[in-house]
Amino acid sequence: MYGKQAGYAIAAMIGLTQAYYNGNSRLSASEIATSRNLPSPTVAKVLSILSQAGLIKGAPGPGGGFVLNHDPDDITLNDVVILFERMGDLHRCPFDSGICSDENPCPLHEKMVAIQHSMKQLLTETTFATFRDKMRPPASGSH
């Protein structure tokens, strides 16, 4: 229900959540990419967007890296996904060429709306603290 960049951003945030709970000071983009098996250039890009949004903060140079800017209990999946997805399209029907509307619904309309509502609820109610007990071991070489 969301694209690759949003998925990579969520994975990166899970890595930073792990570091937060393990007491690691900072993780580099490379460490996050390696620990989550993600492409480094894409991780660097999503980290920049997450930083600009204030969800994480980064420090350049030796000993630098990224860290969560808030407690994982205060960051929802939706906080991340909205940076990469046009959430206004959630209620868009696959038959949105004038065939389907609330007044003239297609055969899938009600089911699609229900699925999209459930997804929105999942994204807004799930915080990154949810991942605390489902962590991978920290990447070697973490700070």
C-alpha atoms as a PDB file:
ATOM      1  CA  MET A   1       0.000   0.000   0.000  1.00  0.00           C
ATOM      2  CA  TYR A   2       3.076   2.230  -0.121  1.00  0.00           C
ATOM      3  CA  GLY A   3       6.065   2.484  -2.419  1.00  0.00           C
ATOM      4  CA  LYS A   4       9.678   1.399  -2.191  1.00  0.00           C
ATOM      5  CA  GLN A   5      11.012   4.694  -0.843  1.00  0.00           C
ATOM      6  CA  ALA A   6       8.490   4.699   1.999  1.00  0.00           C
ATOM      7  CA  GLY A   7       9.413   1.078   2.729  1.00  0.00           C
ATOM      8  CA  TYR A   8      13.110   1.918   2.781  1.00  0.00           C
ATOM      9  CA  ALA A   9      12.420   4.881   5.065  1.00  0.00           C
ATOM     10  CA  ILE A  10      10.463   2.671   7.465  1.00  0.00           C
ATOM     11  CA  ALA A  11      13.300   0.117   7.445  1.00  0.00           C
ATOM     12  CA  ALA A  12      15.838   2.884   8.140  1.00  0.00           C
ATOM     13  CA  MET A  13      13.693   4.193  10.996  1.00  0.00           C
ATOM     14  CA  ILE A  14      13.481   0.679  12.438  1.00  0.00           C
ATOM     15  CA  GLY A  15      17.292   0.535  12.339  1.00  0.00           C
ATOM     16  CA  LEU A  16      17.498   3.867  14.147  1.00  0.00           C
ATOM     17  CA  THR A  17      14.877   2.652  16.632  1.00  0.00           C
ATOM     18  CA  GLN A  18      17.079  -0.351  17.341  1.00  0.00           C
ATOM     19  CA  ALA A  19      20.055   1.925  17.907  1.00  0.00           C
ATOM     20  CA  TYR A  20      17.929   4.092  20.217  1.00  0.00           C
ATOM     21  CA  TYR A  21      16.989   1.123  22.410  1.00  0.00           C
ATOM     22  CA  ASN A  22      20.488  -0.388  22.297  1.00  0.00           C
ATOM     23  CA  GLY A  23      22.028   2.891  23.467  1.00  0.00           C
ATOM     24  CA  ASN A  24      24.042   3.435  20.281  1.00  0.00           C
ATOM     25  CA  SER A  25      24.812   7.088  19.779  1.00  0.00           C
ATOM     26  CA  ARG A  26      24.572   7.314  15.980  1.00  0.00           C
ATOM     27  CA  LEU A  27      24.417   5.173  12.860  1.00  0.00           C
ATOM     28  CA  SER A  28      25.843   6.120   9.497  1.00  0.00           C
ATOM     29  CA  ALA A  29      23.789   5.760   6.320  1.00  0.00           C
ATOM     30  CA  SER A  30      26.118   2.921   5.330  1.00  0.00           C
ATOM     31  CA  GLU A  31      25.550   1.076   8.623  1.00  0.00           C
ATOM     32  CA  ILE A  32      21.799   1.400   8.243  1.00  0.00           C
ATOM     33  CA  ALA A  33      21.896   0.223   4.633  1.00  0.00           C
ATOM     34  CA  THR A  34      24.080  -2.767   5.497  1.00  0.00           C
ATOM     35  CA  SER A  35      22.079  -3.827   8.562  1.00  0.00           C
ATOM     36  CA  ARG A  36      18.769  -3.630   6.647  1.00  0.00           C
ATOM     37  CA  ASN A  37      20.133  -4.971   3.322  1.00  0.00           C
ATOM     38  CA  LEU A  38      19.119  -1.782   1.503  1.00  0.00           C
ATOM     39  CA  PRO A  39      20.796   0.161  -1.324  1.00  0.00           C
ATOM     40  CA  SER A  40      23.113   2.797   0.187  1.00  0.00           C
ATOM     41  CA  PRO A  41      22.248   5.657  -2.217  1.00  0.00           C
ATOM     42  CA  THR A  42      18.535   5.250  -1.527  1.00  0.00           C
ATOM     43  CA  VAL A  43      19.102   5.102   2.224  1.00  0.00           C
ATOM     44  CA  ALA A  44      21.129   8.317   2.061  1.00  0.00           C
ATOM     45  CA  LYS A  45      18.288   9.978   0.158  1.00  0.00           C
ATOM     46  CA  VAL A  46      15.526   8.875   2.548  1.00  0.00           C
ATOM     47  CA  LEU A  47      17.639   9.833   5.569  1.00  0.00           C
ATOM     48  CA  SER A  48      17.999  13.319   4.125  1.00  0.00           C
ATOM     49  CA  ILE A  49      14.220  13.600   3.742  1.00  0.00           C
ATOM     50  CA  LEU A  50      13.613  12.225   7.258  1.00  0.00           C
ATOM     51  CA  SER A  51      16.128  14.730   8.614  1.00  0.00           C
ATOM     52  CA  GLN A  52      14.533  17.666   6.788  1.00  0.00           C
ATOM     53  CA  ALA A  53      11.191  16.619   8.290  1.00  0.00           C
ATOM     54  CA  GLY A  54      12.688  16.660  11.795  1.00  0.00           C
ATOM     55  CA  LEU A  55      12.141  12.961  12.523  1.00  0.00           C
ATOM     56  CA  ILE A  56      15.871  12.299  12.769  1.00  0.00           C
ATOM     57  CA  LYS A  57      18.965  14.424  13.107  1.00  0.00           C
ATOM     58  CA  GLY A  58      22.327  13.896  11.555  1.00  0.00           C
ATOM     59  CA  ALA A  59      25.856  14.975  12.304  1.00  0.00           C
ATOM     60  CA  PRO A  60      28.584  14.961   9.645  1.00  0.00           C
ATOM     61  CA  GLY A  61      32.140  13.752   9.977  1.00  0.00           C
ATOM     62  CA  PRO A  62      33.913  11.215  12.189  1.00  0.00           C
ATOM     63  CA  GLY A  63      31.650  10.067  14.991  1.00  0.00           C
ATOM     64  CA  GLY A  64      28.716  11.484  13.077  1.00  0.00           C
ATOM     65  CA  GLY A  65      25.679   9.729  11.762  1.00  0.00           C
ATOM     66  CA  PHE A  66      21.976   9.727  12.357  1.00  0.00           C
ATOM     67  CA  VAL A  67      19.826   9.410  15.457  1.00  0.00           C
ATOM     68  CA  LEU A  68      16.092   9.623  16.148  1.00  0.00           C
ATOM     69  CA  ASN A  69      14.986  13.138  17.023  1.00  0.00           C
ATOM     70  CA  HIS A  70      12.056  11.856  19.132  1.00  0.00           C
ATOM     71  CA  ASP A  71      11.173   8.894  21.318  1.00  0.00           C
ATOM     72  CA  PRO A  72       9.958   5.946  19.166  1.00  0.00           C
ATOM     73  CA  ASP A  73       6.630   6.115  21.055  1.00  0.00           C
ATOM     74  CA  ASP A  74       6.103   9.539  19.483  1.00  0.00           C
ATOM     75  CA  ILE A  75       6.806   8.622  15.842  1.00  0.00           C
ATOM     76  CA  THR A  76       4.152   6.795  13.824  1.00  0.00           C
ATOM     77  CA  LEU A  77       4.523   4.900  10.584  1.00  0.00           C
ATOM     78  CA  ASN A  78       2.284   7.569   9.077  1.00  0.00           C
ATOM     79  CA  ASP A  79       4.788  10.284  10.054  1.00  0.00           C
ATOM     80  CA  VAL A  80       7.232   8.558   7.707  1.00  0.00           C
ATOM     81  CA  VAL A  81       4.911   7.380   4.942  1.00  0.00           C
ATOM     82  CA  ILE A  82       3.366  10.819   4.345  1.00  0.00           C
ATOM     83  CA  LEU A  83       6.811  12.120   3.402  1.00  0.00           C
ATOM     84  CA  PHE A  84       6.982   9.708   0.462  1.00  0.00           C
ATOM     85  CA  GLU A  85       3.388   9.043  -0.572  1.00  0.00           C
ATOM     86  CA  ARG A  86       0.496  11.186  -1.711  1.00  0.00           C
ATOM     87  CA  MET A  87      -1.956  10.193   0.985  1.00  0.00           C
ATOM     88  CA  GLY A  88      -4.828  11.962  -0.777  1.00  0.00           C
ATOM     89  CA  ASP A  89      -4.864   9.094  -3.266  1.00  0.00           C
ATOM     90  CA  LEU A  90      -5.775   6.543  -0.592  1.00  0.00           C
ATOM     91  CA  HIS A  91      -9.449   6.706  -1.508  1.00  0.00           C
ATOM     92  CA  ARG A  92      -8.846   6.605  -5.213  1.00  0.00           C
ATOM     93  CA  CYS A  93     -10.649   3.764  -6.908  1.00  0.00           C
ATOM     94  CA  PRO A  94      -8.986   1.746  -9.678  1.00  0.00           C
ATOM     95  CA  PHE A  95     -11.990   2.703 -11.847  1.00  0.00           C
ATOM     96  CA  ASP A  96     -11.495   6.440 -11.227  1.00  0.00           C
ATOM     97  CA  SER A  97     -12.091   7.390 -14.843  1.00  0.00           C
ATOM     98  CA  GLY A  98     -15.548   8.709 -14.087  1.00  0.00           C
ATOM     99  CA  ILE A  99     -17.028   5.231 -13.742  1.00  0.00           C
ATOM    100  CA  CYS A 100     -16.856   5.030  -9.948  1.00  0.00           C
ATOM    101  CA  SER A 101     -17.890   7.533  -7.286  1.00  0.00           C
ATOM    102  CA  ASP A 102     -19.546   7.513  -3.887  1.00  0.00           C
ATOM    103  CA  GLU A 103     -22.850   8.165  -5.663  1.00  0.00           C
ATOM    104  CA  ASN A 104     -22.255   5.533  -8.350  1.00  0.00           C
ATOM    105  CA  PRO A 105     -19.884   2.962  -6.774  1.00  0.00           C
ATOM    106  CA  CYS A 106     -18.161   0.209  -8.733  1.00  0.00           C
ATOM    107  CA  PRO A 107     -18.348  -3.389  -7.459  1.00  0.00           C
ATOM    108  CA  LEU A 108     -15.065  -2.957  -5.536  1.00  0.00           C
ATOM    109  CA  HIS A 109     -15.698   0.512  -4.125  1.00  0.00           C
ATOM    110  CA  GLU A 110     -16.826  -0.345  -0.582  1.00  0.00           C
ATOM    111  CA  LYS A 111     -14.144  -3.016  -0.133  1.00  0.00           C
ATOM    112  CA  MET A 112     -11.412  -0.706  -1.437  1.00  0.00           C
ATOM    113  CA  VAL A 113     -12.519   2.110   0.862  1.00  0.00           C
ATOM    114  CA  ALA A 114     -12.544  -0.290   3.845  1.00  0.00           C
ATOM    115  CA  ILE A 115      -9.034  -1.584   3.043  1.00  0.00           C
ATOM    116  CA  GLN A 116      -7.687   1.927   2.605  1.00  0.00           C
ATOM    117  CA  HIS A 117      -9.294   3.042   5.866  1.00  0.00           C
ATOM    118  CA  SER A 118      -7.716   0.076   7.698  1.00  0.00           C
ATOM    119  CA  MET A 119      -4.307   0.891   6.215  1.00  0.00           C
ATOM    120  CA  LYS A 120      -4.581   4.535   7.256  1.00  0.00           C
ATOM    121  CA  GLN A 121      -5.571   3.444  10.765  1.00  0.00           C
ATOM    122  CA  LEU A 122      -2.618   1.032  10.949  1.00  0.00           C
ATOM    123  CA  LEU A 123      -0.194   3.749   9.837  1.00  0.00           C
ATOM    124  CA  THR A 124      -1.509   6.368  12.264  1.00  0.00           C
ATOM    125  CA  GLU A 125      -1.784   4.063  15.287  1.00  0.00           C
ATOM    126  CA  THR A 126       1.512   2.156  14.967  1.00  0.00           C
ATOM    127  CA  THR A 127       4.554   3.791  16.513  1.00  0.00           C
ATOM    128  CA  PHE A 128       8.137   2.719  16.020  1.00  0.00           C
ATOM    129  CA  ALA A 129       8.192   1.532  19.649  1.00  0.00           C
ATOM    130  CA  THR A 130       6.208  -1.435  18.295  1.00  0.00           C
ATOM    131  CA  PHE A 131       9.449  -2.785  16.846  1.00  0.00           C
ATOM    132  CA  ARG A 132      11.375  -2.762  20.139  1.00  0.00           C
ATOM    133  CA  ASP A 133      10.995  -6.489  20.823  1.00  0.00           C
ATOM    134  CA  LYS A 134      11.441  -7.530  17.178  1.00  0.00           C
ATOM    135  CA  MET A 135      14.902  -6.142  16.593  1.00  0.00           C
ATOM    136  CA  ARG A 136      17.743  -7.561  14.557  1.00  0.00           C
ATOM    137  CA  PRO A 137      21.113  -7.668  16.255  1.00  0.00           C
ATOM    138  CA  PRO A 138      22.947  -4.345  15.838  1.00  0.00           C
ATOM    139  CA  ALA A 139      25.208  -3.984  12.824  1.00  0.00           C
ATOM    140  CA  SER A 140      28.869  -4.582  13.544  1.00  0.00           C
ATOM    141  CA  GLY A 141      30.875  -1.404  13.770  1.00  0.00           C
ATOM    142  CA  SER A 142      28.012   0.636  15.239  1.00  0.00           C
ATOM    143  CA  HIS A 143      29.050   3.635  17.275  1.00  0.00           C
END
